[in-house]
Amino acid sequence: FRPGHHRIPEVRSQRSVVRSQKYLCLSVAPVLCVSVHFMSPEQAAEDTALDQRCDLYSLGCVAYYLLTGRPPFDSNSIASILIAHARDAVIPPSELQPVLPADLEKVVLRCLEKKPADRYPDAAALEAALAACRSADKWTPARAARWWADKEFA
């Protein structure tokens, strides 16, 4: 995402709800489909002052999904998911994957902070935090391939 390319309010009148396999998407004509499972609280609130921390929240949602096999918040209702992003505490990933390293969990949870000011200020800061994780140097392409082969996400 780049600033200005993920703002939905400009075409509010052409929104529709789309069920894409398992996830609810907010479709904005003509070509954008945003999964509400990965939207930041400020996107959900249609805040017009979005910045890169909004994308870091979404990236935290993706990391959460990759580490746990489920999105941070799930429901059959778009409104419930958006409210959860804005209000509810996320289940710590280690409760779903007990072997998850604590330092990696801390990085993901900081990405998922409700207030943008509490998240990493930019991608470089996030990259530094990930590189500082004790297991960072142990993660190789071969290990990643084995990890993916062992996972069966529903």
C-alpha atoms as a PDB file:
ATOM      1  CA  PHE A   1       0.000   0.000   0.000  1.00  0.00           C
ATOM      2  CA  ARG A   2       1.081   3.539  -0.625  1.00  0.00           C
ATOM      3  CA  PRO A   3      -0.478   6.620   0.974  1.00  0.00           C
ATOM      4  CA  GLY A   4      -3.704   7.436  -0.785  1.00  0.00           C
ATOM      5  CA  HIS A   5      -4.178   4.005  -2.370  1.00  0.00           C
ATOM      6  CA  HIS A   6      -6.158   2.405   0.433  1.00  0.00           C
ATOM      7  CA  ARG A   7      -8.664   5.068   1.293  1.00  0.00           C
ATOM      8  CA  ILE A   8     -12.191   3.830   0.793  1.00  0.00           C
ATOM      9  CA  PRO A   9     -14.387   6.874   1.571  1.00  0.00           C
ATOM     10  CA  GLU A  10     -13.918   8.478  -1.855  1.00  0.00           C
ATOM     11  CA  VAL A  11     -16.256   5.957  -3.515  1.00  0.00           C
ATOM     12  CA  ARG A  12     -18.632   5.279  -0.639  1.00  0.00           C
ATOM     13  CA  SER A  13     -21.712   5.066  -2.849  1.00  0.00           C
ATOM     14  CA  GLN A  14     -20.372   2.096  -4.802  1.00  0.00           C
ATOM     15  CA  ARG A  15     -19.534  -0.254  -1.908  1.00  0.00           C
ATOM     16  CA  SER A  16     -20.801  -3.764  -1.708  1.00  0.00           C
ATOM     17  CA  VAL A  17     -20.170  -6.761   0.496  1.00  0.00           C
ATOM     18  CA  VAL A  18     -18.468  -9.717  -1.132  1.00  0.00           C
ATOM     19  CA  ARG A  19     -17.893 -13.134   0.381  1.00  0.00           C
ATOM     20  CA  SER A  20     -14.556 -14.311  -0.933  1.00  0.00           C
ATOM     21  CA  GLN A  21     -14.281 -17.953   0.077  1.00  0.00           C
ATOM     22  CA  LYS A  22     -14.011 -17.713   3.862  1.00  0.00           C
ATOM     23  CA  TYR A  23     -13.548 -13.980   4.390  1.00  0.00           C
ATOM     24  CA  LEU A  24     -15.792 -10.970   4.154  1.00  0.00           C
ATOM     25  CA  CYS A  25     -14.571  -8.269   1.834  1.00  0.00           C
ATOM     26  CA  LEU A  26     -15.655  -4.719   1.291  1.00  0.00           C
ATOM     27  CA  SER A  27     -15.693  -4.247  -2.458  1.00  0.00           C
ATOM     28  CA  VAL A  28     -15.263  -0.775  -3.860  1.00  0.00           C
ATOM     29  CA  ALA A  29     -15.956  -0.329  -7.561  1.00  0.00           C
ATOM     30  CA  PRO A  30     -14.304  -0.807  -9.863  1.00  0.00           C
ATOM     31  CA  VAL A  31     -11.434  -3.052  -8.678  1.00  0.00           C
ATOM     32  CA  LEU A  32     -10.696  -2.851  -4.943  1.00  0.00           C
ATOM     33  CA  CYS A  33     -11.665  -5.599  -2.505  1.00  0.00           C
ATOM     34  CA  VAL A  34     -10.447  -5.080   1.036  1.00  0.00           C
ATOM     35  CA  SER A  35     -10.819  -7.851   3.590  1.00  0.00           C
ATOM     36  CA  VAL A  36     -12.218  -6.359   6.761  1.00  0.00           C
ATOM     37  CA  HIS A  37     -10.159  -8.949   8.636  1.00  0.00           C
ATOM     38  CA  PHE A  38      -7.033  -6.938   7.816  1.00  0.00           C
ATOM     39  CA  MET A  39      -8.286  -3.330   8.123  1.00  0.00           C
ATOM     40  CA  SER A  40      -6.855  -0.969  10.690  1.00  0.00           C
ATOM     41  CA  PRO A  41      -9.156   0.723  13.195  1.00  0.00           C
ATOM     42  CA  GLU A  42      -8.584   4.088  11.522  1.00  0.00           C
ATOM     43  CA  GLN A  43      -9.517   2.683   8.094  1.00  0.00           C
ATOM     44  CA  ALA A  44     -12.679   1.226   9.563  1.00  0.00           C
ATOM     45  CA  ALA A  45     -13.523   4.628  11.046  1.00  0.00           C
ATOM     46  CA  GLU A  46     -12.915   6.239   7.627  1.00  0.00           C
ATOM     47  CA  ASP A  47     -10.245   8.479   9.104  1.00  0.00           C
ATOM     48  CA  THR A  48      -8.843  10.709   6.375  1.00  0.00           C
ATOM     49  CA  ALA A  49      -5.459  11.148   8.095  1.00  0.00           C
ATOM     50  CA  LEU A  50      -4.103   7.691   7.280  1.00  0.00           C
ATOM     51  CA  ASP A  51      -0.370   7.057   7.214  1.00  0.00           C
ATOM     52  CA  GLN A  52       2.072   4.149   7.026  1.00  0.00           C
ATOM     53  CA  ARG A  53       1.127   2.931  10.512  1.00  0.00           C
ATOM     54  CA  CYS A  54      -2.233   1.895   9.057  1.00  0.00           C
ATOM     55  CA  ASP A  55      -0.362  -0.454   6.726  1.00  0.00           C
ATOM     56  CA  LEU A  56       1.726  -1.778   9.624  1.00  0.00           C
ATOM     57  CA  TYR A  57      -1.494  -2.700  11.426  1.00  0.00           C
ATOM     58  CA  SER A  58      -2.658  -4.612   8.345  1.00  0.00           C
ATOM     59  CA  LEU A  59       0.734  -6.291   8.099  1.00  0.00           C
ATOM     60  CA  GLY A  60       0.373  -7.265  11.765  1.00  0.00           C
ATOM     61  CA  CYS A  61      -2.961  -8.884  10.864  1.00  0.00           C
ATOM     62  CA  VAL A  62      -1.262 -10.840   8.084  1.00  0.00           C
ATOM     63  CA  ALA A  63       1.538 -11.910  10.455  1.00  0.00           C
ATOM     64  CA  TYR A  64      -1.056 -12.959  13.034  1.00  0.00           C
ATOM     65  CA  TYR A  65      -2.833 -15.051  10.408  1.00  0.00           C
ATOM     66  CA  LEU A  66       0.391 -16.653   9.205  1.00  0.00           C
ATOM     67  CA  LEU A  67       1.450 -17.524  12.754  1.00  0.00           C
ATOM     68  CA  THR A  68      -1.922 -18.752  14.041  1.00  0.00           C
ATOM     69  CA  GLY A  69      -3.949 -19.817  11.005  1.00  0.00           C
ATOM     70  CA  ARG A  70      -6.737 -17.344  11.772  1.00  0.00           C
ATOM     71  CA  PRO A  71      -7.295 -13.603  11.529  1.00  0.00           C
ATOM     72  CA  PRO A  72      -7.068 -11.526  14.712  1.00  0.00           C
ATOM     73  CA  PHE A  73     -10.851 -11.021  14.724  1.00  0.00           C
ATOM     74  CA  ASP A  74     -13.492 -13.107  13.021  1.00  0.00           C
ATOM     75  CA  SER A  75     -17.270 -13.033  12.749  1.00  0.00           C
ATOM     76  CA  ASN A  76     -19.998 -13.445  10.145  1.00  0.00           C
ATOM     77  CA  SER A  77     -20.695  -9.717  10.440  1.00  0.00           C
ATOM     78  CA  ILE A  78     -18.588  -6.979   8.880  1.00  0.00           C
ATOM     79  CA  ALA A  79     -19.706  -4.564  11.595  1.00  0.00           C
ATOM     80  CA  SER A  80     -18.638  -6.959  14.359  1.00  0.00           C
ATOM     81  CA  ILE A  81     -15.196  -7.384  12.827  1.00  0.00           C
ATOM     82  CA  LEU A  82     -14.692  -3.639  12.374  1.00  0.00           C
ATOM     83  CA  ILE A  83     -15.816  -2.950  15.938  1.00  0.00           C
ATOM     84  CA  ALA A  84     -13.452  -5.631  17.232  1.00  0.00           C
ATOM     85  CA  HIS A  85     -10.527  -4.026  15.392  1.00  0.00           C
ATOM     86  CA  ALA A  86     -11.346  -0.717  17.049  1.00  0.00           C
ATOM     87  CA  ARG A  87     -12.212  -1.939  20.541  1.00  0.00           C
ATOM     88  CA  ASP A  88     -11.312  -5.516  21.438  1.00  0.00           C
ATOM     89  CA  ALA A  89      -8.034  -6.959  22.639  1.00  0.00           C
ATOM     90  CA  VAL A  90      -6.605  -9.593  20.333  1.00  0.00           C
ATOM     91  CA  ILE A  91      -6.018 -13.098  21.668  1.00  0.00           C
ATOM     92  CA  PRO A  92      -2.234 -13.323  22.066  1.00  0.00           C
ATOM     93  CA  PRO A  93      -0.856 -15.509  19.285  1.00  0.00           C
ATOM     94  CA  SER A  94       0.985 -17.666  21.828  1.00  0.00           C
ATOM     95  CA  GLU A  95      -2.364 -18.823  23.218  1.00  0.00           C
ATOM     96  CA  LEU A  96      -3.061 -20.357  19.808  1.00  0.00           C
ATOM     97  CA  GLN A  97       0.542 -21.359  19.024  1.00  0.00           C
ATOM     98  CA  PRO A  98       2.366 -21.968  22.339  1.00  0.00           C
ATOM     99  CA  VAL A  99       5.747 -22.478  20.645  1.00  0.00           C
ATOM    100  CA  LEU A 100       5.735 -18.951  19.231  1.00  0.00           C
ATOM    101  CA  PRO A 101       8.802 -17.004  20.419  1.00  0.00           C
ATOM    102  CA  ALA A 102       7.867 -14.266  22.903  1.00  0.00           C
ATOM    103  CA  ASP A 103       9.912 -11.597  21.117  1.00  0.00           C
ATOM    104  CA  LEU A 104       8.166 -12.273  17.805  1.00  0.00           C
ATOM    105  CA  GLU A 105       4.774 -12.176  19.507  1.00  0.00           C
ATOM    106  CA  LYS A 106       5.682  -8.815  21.024  1.00  0.00           C
ATOM    107  CA  VAL A 107       6.482  -7.429  17.560  1.00  0.00           C
ATOM    108  CA  VAL A 108       3.180  -8.664  16.098  1.00  0.00           C
ATOM    109  CA  LEU A 109       1.168  -7.324  19.025  1.00  0.00           C
ATOM    110  CA  ARG A 110       2.804  -3.913  18.706  1.00  0.00           C
ATOM    111  CA  CYS A 111       1.740  -3.833  15.043  1.00  0.00           C
ATOM    112  CA  LEU A 112      -1.811  -4.537  16.236  1.00  0.00           C
ATOM    113  CA  GLU A 113      -2.001  -1.681  18.740  1.00  0.00           C
ATOM    114  CA  LYS A 114      -5.265   0.230  18.430  1.00  0.00           C
ATOM    115  CA  LYS A 115      -3.659   3.676  18.449  1.00  0.00           C
ATOM    116  CA  PRO A 116      -1.301   4.398  15.544  1.00  0.00           C
ATOM    117  CA  ALA A 117       1.076   6.222  17.905  1.00  0.00           C
ATOM    118  CA  ASP A 118       1.586   2.945  19.801  1.00  0.00           C
ATOM    119  CA  ARG A 119       2.651   1.044  16.666  1.00  0.00           C
ATOM    120  CA  TYR A 120       6.041   1.108  14.985  1.00  0.00           C
ATOM    121  CA  PRO A 121       6.512   4.500  13.338  1.00  0.00           C
ATOM    122  CA  ASP A 122       7.512   3.025   9.979  1.00  0.00           C
ATOM    123  CA  ALA A 123       8.569  -0.126   8.137  1.00  0.00           C
ATOM    124  CA  ALA A 124      12.249   0.443   8.957  1.00  0.00           C
ATOM    125  CA  ALA A 125      11.489   0.348  12.684  1.00  0.00           C
ATOM    126  CA  LEU A 126       9.444  -2.824  12.203  1.00  0.00           C
ATOM    127  CA  GLU A 127      12.269  -4.387  10.180  1.00  0.00           C
ATOM    128  CA  ALA A 128      14.741  -3.569  12.971  1.00  0.00           C
ATOM    129  CA  ALA A 129      12.445  -5.106  15.581  1.00  0.00           C
ATOM    130  CA  LEU A 130      12.066  -8.289  13.522  1.00  0.00           C
ATOM    131  CA  ALA A 131      15.816  -8.494  12.927  1.00  0.00           C
ATOM    132  CA  ALA A 132      16.364  -8.225  16.699  1.00  0.00           C
ATOM    133  CA  CYS A 133      14.215 -11.299  17.361  1.00  0.00           C
ATOM    134  CA  ARG A 134      16.366 -14.177  18.609  1.00  0.00           C
ATOM    135  CA  SER A 135      15.122 -16.548  15.923  1.00  0.00           C
ATOM    136  CA  ALA A 136      15.607 -14.115  13.025  1.00  0.00           C
ATOM    137  CA  ASP A 137      18.935 -15.575  11.932  1.00  0.00           C
ATOM    138  CA  LYS A 138      17.546 -19.119  12.066  1.00  0.00           C
ATOM    139  CA  TRP A 139      14.805 -18.458   9.527  1.00  0.00           C
ATOM    140  CA  THR A 140      16.012 -19.539   6.093  1.00  0.00           C
ATOM    141  CA  PRO A 141      14.136 -20.140   2.836  1.00  0.00           C
ATOM    142  CA  ALA A 142      14.503 -23.907   3.358  1.00  0.00           C
ATOM    143  CA  ARG A 143      13.126 -23.690   6.899  1.00  0.00           C
ATOM    144  CA  ALA A 144      10.242 -21.520   5.670  1.00  0.00           C
ATOM    145  CA  ALA A 145       9.394 -24.109   3.009  1.00  0.00           C
ATOM    146  CA  ARG A 146       9.359 -26.885   5.633  1.00  0.00           C
ATOM    147  CA  TRP A 147       7.185 -24.736   7.919  1.00  0.00           C
ATOM    148  CA  TRP A 148       4.644 -24.110   5.158  1.00  0.00           C
ATOM    149  CA  ALA A 149       4.623 -27.794   4.215  1.00  0.00           C
ATOM    150  CA  ASP A 150       3.733 -28.693   7.816  1.00  0.00           C
ATOM    151  CA  LYS A 151       0.850 -26.189   8.069  1.00  0.00           C
ATOM    152  CA  GLU A 152      -2.702 -26.942   7.153  1.00  0.00           C
ATOM    153  CA  PHE A 153      -4.744 -23.788   7.597  1.00  0.00           C
ATOM    154  CA  ALA A 154      -8.481 -24.238   7.497  1.00  0.00           C
END
